[in-house]
N, C-alpha and C. Protein backbone atom coordinates (compact mmCIF):
# COMPACT_ATOMS: atom_id res chain seq x y z
N UNK A 1 103.16 90.91 86.66
CA UNK A 1 102.22 89.90 86.17
C UNK A 1 101.17 89.62 87.25
N UNK A 2 100.03 89.11 86.80
CA UNK A 2 98.98 88.76 87.75
C UNK A 2 99.10 87.30 88.14
N UNK A 3 98.66 87.00 89.34
CA UNK A 3 98.57 85.63 89.82
C UNK A 3 97.09 85.31 89.92
N UNK A 4 96.50 84.75 88.86
CA UNK A 4 95.06 84.57 88.79
C UNK A 4 94.72 83.11 88.58
N UNK A 5 93.77 82.61 89.32
CA UNK A 5 93.36 81.22 89.23
C UNK A 5 91.86 81.18 88.99
N UNK A 6 91.44 80.51 87.92
CA UNK A 6 90.03 80.41 87.59
C UNK A 6 89.44 79.15 88.22
N UNK A 7 88.35 79.29 88.89
CA UNK A 7 87.67 78.17 89.52
C UNK A 7 86.32 77.95 88.87
N UNK A 8 85.84 76.74 88.94
CA UNK A 8 84.53 76.43 88.35
C UNK A 8 83.41 77.04 89.19
N UNK A 9 82.38 77.57 88.55
CA UNK A 9 81.28 78.17 89.29
C UNK A 9 80.39 77.14 89.96
N UNK A 10 79.76 77.53 91.05
CA UNK A 10 78.83 76.66 91.75
C UNK A 10 77.60 77.47 92.14
N UNK A 11 76.77 77.85 91.17
CA UNK A 11 75.62 78.73 91.47
C UNK A 11 74.56 78.02 92.31
N UNK A 12 73.85 78.81 93.08
CA UNK A 12 72.74 78.31 93.89
C UNK A 12 71.45 78.95 93.40
N UNK A 13 70.40 78.17 93.37
CA UNK A 13 69.14 78.65 92.82
C UNK A 13 68.40 79.53 93.81
N UNK A 14 68.13 80.76 93.39
CA UNK A 14 67.33 81.70 94.18
C UNK A 14 66.25 82.25 93.27
N UNK A 15 65.00 82.06 93.67
CA UNK A 15 63.89 82.50 92.82
C UNK A 15 62.97 83.50 93.50
N UNK A 16 63.04 83.59 94.83
CA UNK A 16 62.13 84.46 95.55
C UNK A 16 62.72 84.81 96.91
N UNK A 17 61.95 85.55 97.71
CA UNK A 17 62.46 85.99 99.01
C UNK A 17 62.79 84.82 99.93
N UNK A 18 61.98 83.78 99.89
CA UNK A 18 62.21 82.64 100.79
C UNK A 18 63.50 81.92 100.45
N UNK A 19 63.74 81.68 99.17
CA UNK A 19 64.97 80.98 98.79
C UNK A 19 66.19 81.87 99.00
N UNK A 20 66.03 83.18 98.82
CA UNK A 20 67.13 84.09 99.14
C UNK A 20 67.45 84.02 100.62
N UNK A 21 66.43 84.09 101.47
CA UNK A 21 66.65 84.05 102.91
C UNK A 21 67.37 82.78 103.32
N UNK A 22 67.03 81.67 102.64
CA UNK A 22 67.62 80.38 102.99
C UNK A 22 69.12 80.34 102.67
N UNK A 23 69.52 80.84 101.50
CA UNK A 23 70.93 80.74 101.12
C UNK A 23 71.77 81.87 101.73
N UNK A 24 71.15 83.03 101.94
CA UNK A 24 71.90 84.19 102.44
C UNK A 24 71.84 84.34 103.95
N UNK A 25 70.97 83.59 104.61
CA UNK A 25 70.82 83.70 106.05
C UNK A 25 70.15 84.99 106.47
N UNK A 26 69.24 85.49 105.63
CA UNK A 26 68.55 86.75 105.92
C UNK A 26 67.35 86.52 106.83
N UNK A 27 67.12 87.45 107.77
CA UNK A 27 65.97 87.39 108.64
C UNK A 27 64.81 88.18 108.09
N UNK A 28 63.66 88.14 108.76
CA UNK A 28 62.46 88.84 108.28
C UNK A 28 62.67 90.34 108.08
N UNK A 29 63.39 91.02 108.98
CA UNK A 29 63.61 92.46 108.83
C UNK A 29 64.47 92.76 107.61
N UNK A 30 65.48 91.95 107.37
CA UNK A 30 66.31 92.15 106.19
C UNK A 30 65.51 91.95 104.91
N UNK A 31 64.68 90.92 104.90
CA UNK A 31 63.85 90.67 103.72
C UNK A 31 62.89 91.83 103.49
N UNK A 32 62.30 92.36 104.56
CA UNK A 32 61.39 93.51 104.40
C UNK A 32 62.14 94.72 103.84
N UNK A 33 63.34 94.97 104.34
CA UNK A 33 64.12 96.09 103.81
C UNK A 33 64.47 95.88 102.34
N UNK A 34 64.81 94.67 101.98
CA UNK A 34 65.14 94.38 100.58
C UNK A 34 63.91 94.53 99.69
N UNK A 35 62.74 94.15 100.19
CA UNK A 35 61.52 94.32 99.41
C UNK A 35 61.22 95.81 99.20
N UNK A 36 61.45 96.62 100.24
CA UNK A 36 61.25 98.06 100.09
C UNK A 36 62.28 98.65 99.14
N UNK A 37 63.50 98.17 99.22
CA UNK A 37 64.55 98.61 98.29
C UNK A 37 64.17 98.28 96.85
N UNK A 38 63.63 97.10 96.63
CA UNK A 38 63.18 96.72 95.28
C UNK A 38 62.08 97.67 94.81
N UNK A 39 61.15 98.02 95.71
CA UNK A 39 60.09 98.96 95.33
C UNK A 39 60.65 100.32 94.97
N UNK A 40 61.63 100.79 95.74
CA UNK A 40 62.24 102.08 95.45
C UNK A 40 62.99 102.05 94.12
N UNK A 41 63.66 100.94 93.84
CA UNK A 41 64.32 100.80 92.55
C UNK A 41 63.32 100.93 91.41
N UNK A 42 62.19 100.25 91.55
CA UNK A 42 61.16 100.30 90.50
C UNK A 42 60.60 101.70 90.34
N UNK A 43 60.36 102.39 91.46
CA UNK A 43 59.81 103.75 91.40
C UNK A 43 60.78 104.71 90.74
N UNK A 44 62.01 104.71 91.19
CA UNK A 44 63.01 105.65 90.66
C UNK A 44 63.46 105.26 89.26
N UNK A 45 63.34 104.00 88.92
CA UNK A 45 63.75 103.55 87.60
C UNK A 45 62.89 104.16 86.50
N UNK A 46 61.71 104.64 86.88
CA UNK A 46 60.85 105.31 85.91
C UNK A 46 61.35 106.71 85.58
N UNK A 47 62.20 107.26 86.46
CA UNK A 47 62.72 108.61 86.25
C UNK A 47 64.17 108.62 85.76
N UNK A 48 64.91 107.57 86.04
CA UNK A 48 66.31 107.50 85.62
C UNK A 48 66.69 106.05 85.39
N UNK A 49 67.76 105.83 84.66
CA UNK A 49 68.20 104.48 84.35
C UNK A 49 69.10 103.96 85.47
N UNK A 50 68.51 103.15 86.35
CA UNK A 50 69.26 102.56 87.45
C UNK A 50 69.64 101.12 87.16
N UNK A 51 68.64 100.32 86.80
CA UNK A 51 68.85 98.92 86.41
C UNK A 51 67.94 98.63 85.23
N UNK A 52 68.25 97.58 84.50
CA UNK A 52 67.35 97.16 83.44
C UNK A 52 66.00 96.79 84.02
N UNK A 53 64.93 97.35 83.47
CA UNK A 53 63.60 97.12 84.04
C UNK A 53 63.27 95.63 84.14
N UNK A 54 63.69 94.85 83.15
CA UNK A 54 63.37 93.42 83.15
C UNK A 54 64.08 92.68 84.28
N UNK A 55 65.19 93.22 84.79
CA UNK A 55 65.93 92.53 85.84
C UNK A 55 65.23 92.59 87.18
N UNK A 56 64.28 93.50 87.34
CA UNK A 56 63.57 93.58 88.61
C UNK A 56 62.71 92.35 88.86
N UNK A 57 62.30 91.68 87.78
CA UNK A 57 61.54 90.44 87.94
C UNK A 57 62.40 89.33 88.55
N UNK A 58 63.70 89.46 88.38
CA UNK A 58 64.63 88.48 88.95
C UNK A 58 65.45 89.13 90.07
N UNK A 59 64.82 90.05 90.79
CA UNK A 59 65.53 90.83 91.80
C UNK A 59 66.28 89.96 92.79
N UNK A 60 65.67 88.90 93.29
CA UNK A 60 66.27 88.13 94.38
C UNK A 60 67.53 87.41 93.95
N UNK A 61 67.60 86.95 92.73
CA UNK A 61 68.83 86.30 92.26
C UNK A 61 69.78 87.28 91.61
N UNK A 62 69.26 88.11 90.71
CA UNK A 62 70.10 88.99 89.88
C UNK A 62 70.72 90.12 90.69
N UNK A 63 70.01 90.60 91.69
CA UNK A 63 70.51 91.75 92.45
C UNK A 63 70.81 91.42 93.92
N UNK A 64 69.83 90.88 94.64
CA UNK A 64 70.02 90.65 96.08
C UNK A 64 71.08 89.58 96.35
N UNK A 65 70.93 88.41 95.76
CA UNK A 65 71.86 87.33 96.04
C UNK A 65 73.22 87.59 95.39
N UNK A 66 73.22 88.17 94.19
CA UNK A 66 74.48 88.48 93.52
C UNK A 66 75.33 89.39 94.41
N UNK A 67 74.68 90.32 95.12
CA UNK A 67 75.40 91.23 96.02
C UNK A 67 75.75 90.59 97.35
N UNK A 68 74.78 89.93 97.96
CA UNK A 68 74.96 89.40 99.32
C UNK A 68 76.01 88.29 99.38
N UNK A 69 76.27 87.63 98.26
CA UNK A 69 77.26 86.55 98.26
C UNK A 69 78.67 87.02 98.61
N UNK A 70 78.91 88.33 98.55
CA UNK A 70 80.23 88.85 98.88
C UNK A 70 80.54 88.75 100.38
N UNK A 71 79.52 88.84 101.21
CA UNK A 71 79.75 88.93 102.66
C UNK A 71 80.50 87.73 103.23
N UNK A 72 80.17 86.49 102.86
CA UNK A 72 80.93 85.36 103.41
C UNK A 72 82.39 85.33 102.97
N UNK A 73 82.73 86.07 101.91
CA UNK A 73 84.11 86.10 101.46
C UNK A 73 84.99 86.99 102.33
N UNK A 74 84.36 87.85 103.13
CA UNK A 74 85.11 88.74 104.03
C UNK A 74 84.31 88.92 105.31
N UNK A 75 84.14 87.85 106.08
CA UNK A 75 83.25 87.92 107.25
C UNK A 75 83.71 88.87 108.34
N UNK A 76 85.01 89.17 108.40
CA UNK A 76 85.52 90.06 109.43
C UNK A 76 85.54 91.52 108.99
N UNK A 77 85.29 91.78 107.71
CA UNK A 77 85.35 93.15 107.19
C UNK A 77 84.18 93.96 107.72
N UNK A 78 84.45 95.18 108.14
CA UNK A 78 83.41 96.03 108.70
C UNK A 78 83.20 97.31 107.90
N UNK A 79 84.20 97.76 107.17
CA UNK A 79 84.06 98.99 106.40
C UNK A 79 84.30 98.67 104.92
N UNK A 80 83.29 98.96 104.10
CA UNK A 80 83.33 98.65 102.68
C UNK A 80 83.18 99.93 101.88
N UNK A 81 83.73 99.94 100.67
CA UNK A 81 83.49 101.00 99.70
C UNK A 81 82.97 100.37 98.43
N UNK A 82 81.84 100.88 97.94
CA UNK A 82 81.24 100.42 96.69
C UNK A 82 81.46 101.51 95.64
N UNK A 83 82.30 101.21 94.65
CA UNK A 83 82.66 102.20 93.64
C UNK A 83 81.68 102.17 92.47
N UNK A 84 81.30 103.37 92.01
CA UNK A 84 80.29 103.43 90.95
C UNK A 84 78.99 102.82 91.44
N UNK A 85 78.59 103.22 92.65
CA UNK A 85 77.49 102.54 93.35
C UNK A 85 76.18 102.57 92.58
N UNK A 86 75.93 103.64 91.83
CA UNK A 86 74.77 103.68 90.93
C UNK A 86 73.45 103.38 91.59
N UNK A 87 72.93 102.19 91.35
CA UNK A 87 71.65 101.76 91.92
C UNK A 87 71.79 101.21 93.33
N UNK A 88 73.03 101.15 93.83
CA UNK A 88 73.24 100.63 95.18
C UNK A 88 73.60 99.17 95.23
N UNK A 89 74.12 98.67 94.12
CA UNK A 89 74.48 97.26 94.04
C UNK A 89 75.99 97.13 93.83
N UNK A 90 76.66 96.49 94.76
CA UNK A 90 76.13 95.70 95.87
C UNK A 90 75.98 96.44 97.20
N UNK A 91 76.41 97.70 97.28
CA UNK A 91 76.55 98.37 98.56
C UNK A 91 75.32 98.43 99.43
N UNK A 92 74.17 98.79 98.84
CA UNK A 92 72.95 98.89 99.65
C UNK A 92 72.55 97.53 100.20
N UNK A 93 72.66 96.50 99.37
CA UNK A 93 72.32 95.15 99.84
C UNK A 93 73.22 94.75 101.00
N UNK A 94 74.51 95.05 100.91
CA UNK A 94 75.43 94.72 102.00
C UNK A 94 75.04 95.46 103.29
N UNK A 95 74.68 96.74 103.16
CA UNK A 95 74.29 97.52 104.33
C UNK A 95 73.01 96.98 104.96
N UNK A 96 72.08 96.52 104.13
CA UNK A 96 70.85 95.92 104.66
C UNK A 96 71.17 94.63 105.40
N UNK A 97 72.01 93.81 104.81
CA UNK A 97 72.32 92.51 105.41
C UNK A 97 73.07 92.65 106.74
N UNK A 98 73.81 93.74 106.91
CA UNK A 98 74.55 93.94 108.17
C UNK A 98 73.95 95.05 109.02
N UNK A 99 72.72 95.41 108.74
CA UNK A 99 72.04 96.43 109.52
C UNK A 99 71.95 95.99 110.98
N UNK A 100 72.28 96.89 111.86
CA UNK A 100 72.25 96.56 113.28
C UNK A 100 73.62 96.28 113.86
N UNK A 101 74.60 96.05 112.99
CA UNK A 101 75.98 95.90 113.44
C UNK A 101 76.60 97.29 113.55
N UNK A 102 76.87 97.78 114.75
CA UNK A 102 77.32 99.17 114.91
C UNK A 102 78.68 99.44 114.29
N UNK A 103 79.45 98.39 114.02
CA UNK A 103 80.78 98.58 113.44
C UNK A 103 80.77 98.54 111.91
N UNK A 104 79.65 98.14 111.34
CA UNK A 104 79.60 97.96 109.88
C UNK A 104 79.19 99.26 109.19
N UNK A 105 79.89 99.61 108.12
CA UNK A 105 79.57 100.82 107.38
C UNK A 105 79.96 100.65 105.92
N UNK A 106 79.15 101.22 105.04
CA UNK A 106 79.41 101.17 103.60
C UNK A 106 79.53 102.59 103.06
N UNK A 107 80.58 102.83 102.31
CA UNK A 107 80.75 104.08 101.57
C UNK A 107 80.27 103.85 100.14
N UNK A 108 79.22 104.56 99.75
CA UNK A 108 78.66 104.45 98.41
C UNK A 108 79.22 105.59 97.57
N UNK A 109 80.07 105.25 96.62
CA UNK A 109 80.81 106.25 95.84
C UNK A 109 80.21 106.32 94.44
N UNK A 110 79.69 107.49 94.09
CA UNK A 110 78.99 107.66 92.81
C UNK A 110 79.23 109.07 92.29
N UNK A 111 79.66 109.19 91.03
CA UNK A 111 79.98 110.50 90.48
C UNK A 111 78.78 111.24 89.91
N UNK A 112 77.66 110.54 89.66
CA UNK A 112 76.48 111.18 89.07
C UNK A 112 75.54 111.66 90.18
N UNK A 113 75.26 112.96 90.20
CA UNK A 113 74.47 113.56 91.28
C UNK A 113 73.07 112.96 91.37
N UNK A 114 72.42 112.70 90.24
CA UNK A 114 71.05 112.20 90.30
C UNK A 114 70.99 110.80 90.91
N UNK A 115 72.00 110.00 90.67
CA UNK A 115 72.03 108.69 91.30
C UNK A 115 72.33 108.80 92.79
N UNK A 116 73.12 109.80 93.16
CA UNK A 116 73.36 110.04 94.59
C UNK A 116 72.07 110.42 95.30
N UNK A 117 71.19 111.15 94.63
CA UNK A 117 69.90 111.48 95.24
C UNK A 117 69.10 110.22 95.53
N UNK A 118 69.13 109.28 94.61
CA UNK A 118 68.45 108.00 94.85
C UNK A 118 69.09 107.27 96.03
N UNK A 119 70.38 107.19 96.03
CA UNK A 119 71.07 106.46 97.10
C UNK A 119 70.78 107.08 98.46
N UNK A 120 70.78 108.42 98.53
CA UNK A 120 70.50 109.07 99.82
C UNK A 120 69.06 108.81 100.25
N UNK A 121 68.13 108.75 99.30
CA UNK A 121 66.74 108.45 99.63
C UNK A 121 66.62 107.05 100.22
N UNK A 122 67.31 106.08 99.63
CA UNK A 122 67.27 104.70 100.13
C UNK A 122 67.91 104.61 101.51
N UNK A 123 69.10 105.19 101.65
CA UNK A 123 69.81 105.15 102.94
C UNK A 123 68.97 105.79 104.03
N UNK A 124 68.34 106.92 103.72
CA UNK A 124 67.52 107.61 104.71
C UNK A 124 66.28 106.84 105.08
N UNK A 125 65.55 106.34 104.10
CA UNK A 125 64.30 105.64 104.40
C UNK A 125 64.54 104.34 105.16
N UNK A 126 65.61 103.61 104.81
CA UNK A 126 65.85 102.32 105.44
C UNK A 126 66.73 102.42 106.68
N UNK A 127 67.25 103.62 106.95
CA UNK A 127 68.08 103.81 108.14
C UNK A 127 69.37 102.99 108.09
N UNK A 128 70.05 103.03 106.96
CA UNK A 128 71.24 102.22 106.77
C UNK A 128 72.50 102.94 107.25
N UNK A 129 73.47 102.17 107.69
CA UNK A 129 74.77 102.71 108.06
C UNK A 129 75.60 102.83 106.79
N UNK A 130 75.43 103.93 106.08
CA UNK A 130 76.10 104.14 104.81
C UNK A 130 76.26 105.63 104.56
N UNK A 131 77.32 105.99 103.87
CA UNK A 131 77.59 107.37 103.48
C UNK A 131 77.66 107.44 101.97
N UNK A 132 76.94 108.39 101.39
CA UNK A 132 76.95 108.59 99.95
C UNK A 132 77.96 109.68 99.61
N UNK A 133 78.88 109.37 98.72
CA UNK A 133 79.90 110.31 98.28
C UNK A 133 79.66 110.65 96.82
N UNK A 134 79.30 111.89 96.54
CA UNK A 134 79.16 112.34 95.15
C UNK A 134 80.56 112.77 94.69
N UNK A 135 81.34 111.79 94.25
CA UNK A 135 82.75 112.04 93.95
C UNK A 135 83.28 110.95 93.04
N UNK A 136 84.43 111.21 92.44
CA UNK A 136 85.16 110.19 91.70
C UNK A 136 85.96 109.35 92.69
N UNK A 137 85.92 108.05 92.50
CA UNK A 137 86.56 107.15 93.46
C UNK A 137 88.03 107.47 93.66
N UNK A 138 88.73 107.78 92.56
CA UNK A 138 90.17 108.00 92.65
C UNK A 138 90.53 109.30 93.37
N UNK A 139 89.52 110.14 93.64
CA UNK A 139 89.77 111.40 94.35
C UNK A 139 89.58 111.26 95.86
N UNK A 140 89.04 110.12 96.30
CA UNK A 140 88.79 109.92 97.72
C UNK A 140 89.99 109.26 98.39
N UNK A 141 90.13 109.49 99.65
CA UNK A 141 91.20 108.89 100.44
C UNK A 141 90.59 108.26 101.68
N UNK A 142 89.84 107.20 101.45
CA UNK A 142 89.17 106.50 102.54
C UNK A 142 89.93 105.22 102.88
N UNK A 143 89.97 104.89 104.14
CA UNK A 143 90.56 103.62 104.58
C UNK A 143 89.43 102.64 104.84
N UNK A 144 89.41 101.57 104.08
CA UNK A 144 88.34 100.57 104.18
C UNK A 144 88.96 99.18 104.22
N UNK A 145 88.14 98.21 104.60
CA UNK A 145 88.59 96.81 104.60
C UNK A 145 88.44 96.18 103.22
N UNK A 146 87.31 96.48 102.57
CA UNK A 146 87.00 95.90 101.27
C UNK A 146 86.56 97.00 100.32
N UNK A 147 87.08 96.96 99.09
CA UNK A 147 86.58 97.82 98.03
C UNK A 147 85.94 96.91 96.99
N UNK A 148 84.73 97.28 96.56
CA UNK A 148 83.98 96.43 95.66
C UNK A 148 83.35 97.26 94.56
N UNK A 149 82.84 96.59 93.55
CA UNK A 149 82.16 97.26 92.44
C UNK A 149 81.46 96.20 91.61
N UNK A 150 80.38 96.62 90.96
CA UNK A 150 79.67 95.75 90.02
C UNK A 150 79.28 96.58 88.81
N UNK A 151 79.59 96.07 87.62
CA UNK A 151 79.22 96.75 86.36
C UNK A 151 79.70 98.19 86.34
N UNK A 152 80.90 98.40 86.85
CA UNK A 152 81.44 99.76 86.95
C UNK A 152 82.32 100.10 85.76
N UNK A 153 83.27 99.22 85.42
CA UNK A 153 84.23 99.50 84.35
C UNK A 153 85.02 98.24 84.08
N UNK A 154 85.68 98.14 82.90
CA UNK A 154 86.62 97.03 82.67
C UNK A 154 87.67 97.01 83.76
N UNK A 155 88.22 95.83 84.03
CA UNK A 155 89.09 95.66 85.18
C UNK A 155 90.29 96.60 85.17
N UNK A 156 90.91 96.84 84.01
CA UNK A 156 92.10 97.69 84.01
C UNK A 156 91.78 99.13 84.44
N UNK A 157 90.56 99.60 84.10
CA UNK A 157 90.14 100.92 84.56
C UNK A 157 89.69 100.87 86.02
N UNK A 158 88.99 99.83 86.37
CA UNK A 158 88.49 99.69 87.74
C UNK A 158 89.63 99.66 88.75
N UNK A 159 90.72 99.00 88.40
CA UNK A 159 91.87 98.96 89.30
C UNK A 159 92.44 100.36 89.52
N UNK A 160 92.36 101.19 88.49
CA UNK A 160 92.80 102.58 88.66
C UNK A 160 91.92 103.33 89.64
N UNK A 161 90.60 103.11 89.54
CA UNK A 161 89.69 103.76 90.48
C UNK A 161 89.93 103.26 91.91
N UNK A 162 90.22 101.97 92.03
CA UNK A 162 90.35 101.34 93.35
C UNK A 162 91.74 101.51 93.96
N UNK A 163 92.69 102.01 93.17
CA UNK A 163 94.08 102.08 93.62
C UNK A 163 94.25 102.75 94.99
N UNK A 164 93.63 103.94 95.25
CA UNK A 164 93.83 104.56 96.57
C UNK A 164 93.37 103.69 97.73
N UNK A 165 92.34 102.89 97.50
CA UNK A 165 91.81 102.02 98.56
C UNK A 165 92.71 100.80 98.75
N UNK A 166 93.12 100.18 97.63
CA UNK A 166 93.96 99.00 97.69
C UNK A 166 95.32 99.32 98.30
N UNK A 167 95.86 100.49 97.99
CA UNK A 167 97.17 100.85 98.53
C UNK A 167 97.12 101.26 99.99
N UNK A 168 95.92 101.43 100.51
CA UNK A 168 95.75 101.67 101.95
C UNK A 168 95.40 100.38 102.69
N UNK A 169 95.53 99.24 102.02
CA UNK A 169 95.36 97.95 102.69
C UNK A 169 94.08 97.22 102.41
N UNK A 170 93.18 97.79 101.60
CA UNK A 170 91.92 97.11 101.30
C UNK A 170 92.16 95.91 100.40
N UNK A 171 91.25 94.97 100.46
CA UNK A 171 91.16 93.88 99.50
C UNK A 171 90.05 94.20 98.52
N UNK A 172 90.26 93.90 97.25
CA UNK A 172 89.23 94.14 96.25
C UNK A 172 88.38 92.90 96.02
N UNK A 173 87.07 93.07 95.97
CA UNK A 173 86.14 92.01 95.59
C UNK A 173 85.25 92.58 94.49
N UNK A 174 85.54 92.23 93.25
CA UNK A 174 84.88 92.85 92.11
C UNK A 174 84.02 91.82 91.37
N UNK A 175 82.74 92.12 91.24
CA UNK A 175 81.80 91.24 90.53
C UNK A 175 81.99 91.42 89.03
N UNK A 176 82.25 90.30 88.35
CA UNK A 176 82.51 90.34 86.92
C UNK A 176 81.71 89.26 86.19
N UNK A 177 81.70 89.38 84.84
CA UNK A 177 80.96 88.44 84.02
C UNK A 177 81.85 87.42 83.35
N UNK A 178 81.34 86.84 82.27
CA UNK A 178 82.01 85.71 81.64
C UNK A 178 83.27 86.09 80.87
N UNK A 179 83.49 87.38 80.63
CA UNK A 179 84.69 87.82 79.92
C UNK A 179 85.85 88.13 80.86
N UNK A 180 85.80 87.58 82.05
CA UNK A 180 86.79 87.95 83.07
C UNK A 180 88.21 87.60 82.65
N UNK A 181 88.41 86.49 81.95
CA UNK A 181 89.77 86.10 81.55
C UNK A 181 90.39 87.16 80.64
N UNK A 182 89.59 87.67 79.72
CA UNK A 182 90.07 88.73 78.82
C UNK A 182 90.40 89.99 79.60
N UNK A 183 89.55 90.32 80.57
CA UNK A 183 89.80 91.52 81.39
C UNK A 183 91.06 91.37 82.23
N UNK A 184 91.28 90.19 82.77
CA UNK A 184 92.48 89.95 83.56
C UNK A 184 93.73 90.12 82.71
N UNK A 185 93.70 89.56 81.52
CA UNK A 185 94.86 89.66 80.63
C UNK A 185 95.11 91.11 80.22
N UNK A 186 94.05 91.83 79.88
CA UNK A 186 94.20 93.23 79.49
C UNK A 186 94.78 94.05 80.65
N UNK A 187 94.37 93.73 81.87
CA UNK A 187 94.83 94.49 83.03
C UNK A 187 96.33 94.36 83.25
N UNK A 188 96.93 93.25 82.79
CA UNK A 188 98.38 93.07 82.98
C UNK A 188 99.19 94.07 82.16
N UNK A 189 98.57 94.70 81.15
CA UNK A 189 99.27 95.73 80.38
C UNK A 189 99.50 96.98 81.22
N UNK A 190 98.68 97.16 82.23
CA UNK A 190 98.72 98.40 83.02
C UNK A 190 99.18 98.19 84.46
N UNK A 191 98.94 96.98 84.98
CA UNK A 191 99.12 96.76 86.42
C UNK A 191 99.90 95.48 86.70
N UNK A 192 100.64 95.52 87.79
CA UNK A 192 101.24 94.33 88.38
C UNK A 192 100.40 94.02 89.61
N UNK A 193 99.69 92.93 89.58
CA UNK A 193 98.73 92.68 90.65
C UNK A 193 98.63 91.20 90.98
N UNK A 194 98.14 90.91 92.16
CA UNK A 194 97.86 89.54 92.58
C UNK A 194 96.36 89.38 92.74
N UNK A 195 95.80 88.37 92.09
CA UNK A 195 94.36 88.17 92.15
C UNK A 195 94.03 86.70 92.01
N UNK A 196 92.91 86.32 92.57
CA UNK A 196 92.35 85.02 92.24
C UNK A 196 90.90 85.24 91.84
N UNK A 197 90.35 84.28 91.13
CA UNK A 197 89.00 84.41 90.57
C UNK A 197 88.12 83.34 91.18
N UNK A 198 87.06 83.78 91.82
CA UNK A 198 86.15 82.89 92.55
C UNK A 198 84.86 82.70 91.78
N UNK A 199 84.21 81.56 91.95
CA UNK A 199 82.93 81.34 91.27
C UNK A 199 81.82 82.18 91.86
N UNK A 200 80.94 82.67 91.03
CA UNK A 200 79.74 83.34 91.51
C UNK A 200 78.75 82.29 92.01
N UNK A 201 78.12 82.58 93.11
CA UNK A 201 77.09 81.68 93.64
C UNK A 201 75.71 82.03 93.14
N UNK A 202 75.62 83.10 92.33
CA UNK A 202 74.31 83.52 91.83
C UNK A 202 74.14 83.26 90.34
N UNK A 203 75.24 83.11 89.60
CA UNK A 203 75.16 82.99 88.15
C UNK A 203 76.36 82.20 87.65
N UNK A 204 76.10 81.14 86.90
CA UNK A 204 77.18 80.29 86.41
C UNK A 204 78.15 81.05 85.52
N UNK A 205 77.70 82.13 84.92
CA UNK A 205 78.57 82.91 84.03
C UNK A 205 79.39 83.94 84.79
N UNK A 206 79.06 84.20 86.03
CA UNK A 206 79.70 85.26 86.79
C UNK A 206 80.95 84.81 87.53
N UNK A 207 81.79 85.78 87.85
CA UNK A 207 83.00 85.53 88.62
C UNK A 207 83.20 86.69 89.61
N UNK A 208 83.98 86.43 90.63
CA UNK A 208 84.38 87.46 91.58
C UNK A 208 85.90 87.53 91.58
N UNK A 209 86.43 88.68 91.21
CA UNK A 209 87.88 88.86 91.20
C UNK A 209 88.30 89.43 92.54
N UNK A 210 89.15 88.67 93.22
CA UNK A 210 89.66 89.11 94.53
C UNK A 210 91.09 89.60 94.34
N UNK A 211 91.30 90.89 94.58
CA UNK A 211 92.61 91.51 94.37
C UNK A 211 93.25 91.81 95.71
N UNK A 212 94.47 91.34 95.90
CA UNK A 212 95.16 91.50 97.18
C UNK A 212 96.32 92.48 97.11
N UNK A 213 96.86 92.70 95.92
CA UNK A 213 98.00 93.61 95.79
C UNK A 213 97.93 94.28 94.43
N UNK A 214 98.35 95.55 94.38
CA UNK A 214 98.29 96.30 93.12
C UNK A 214 99.47 97.24 93.02
N UNK A 215 100.11 97.22 91.88
CA UNK A 215 101.17 98.17 91.56
C UNK A 215 101.19 98.39 90.06
N UNK A 216 101.95 99.34 89.60
CA UNK A 216 102.05 99.62 88.18
C UNK A 216 102.83 98.50 87.48
N UNK A 217 102.41 98.18 86.25
CA UNK A 217 103.11 97.18 85.47
C UNK A 217 104.53 97.65 85.17
N UNK A 218 105.47 96.70 85.18
CA UNK A 218 106.85 97.03 84.84
C UNK A 218 106.97 97.17 83.33
N UNK A 219 107.61 98.23 82.89
CA UNK A 219 107.78 98.44 81.47
C UNK A 219 108.87 97.53 80.92
N UNK A 220 108.62 97.00 79.69
CA UNK A 220 109.60 96.10 79.08
C UNK A 220 110.85 96.89 78.70
């Protein structure tokens, strides 16, 4: 069974670069990198489906702050894996926010080659401490502190992808939406896990599922 506790959300208003910098503690160089990342998203989005085009107008809240809010939840973590990295959310944002920390590294795991080309272009241009893996998450054997994902898969499938990381000692921090209670219940059919559910600071409808232990569900 899962040990899950739902908490009330406490979103913070972010409308632009200045308000993002205020809540996230971002400096001028980080903001510049994020602005360039937003430009690259817009450019590449014309060639492939990375994010909804309309969401770029709300980049600072919908993408930057939604991703950056994970860092205070694991301030000591230095090695992260972002599963189904796709457009680089949250992984690229995390790498930008911790740029300059020689111990910090993000593994961007993405099975689609064309999205990996985008991720490598961003990592290269911005000089980020990140490695792009064109692979299925469950095929990798990386040791990380935190495994994360956003809009990757329903929780019961996502836990399968994250299993190799969680069983090597990682904690899971998974960005989820308003249907999280249903996903948690469905996951108990497949997994025996311990999790708590934290409020999103970017969206009142969002939640962050923190997973500390994972095993197969016991059969009745």
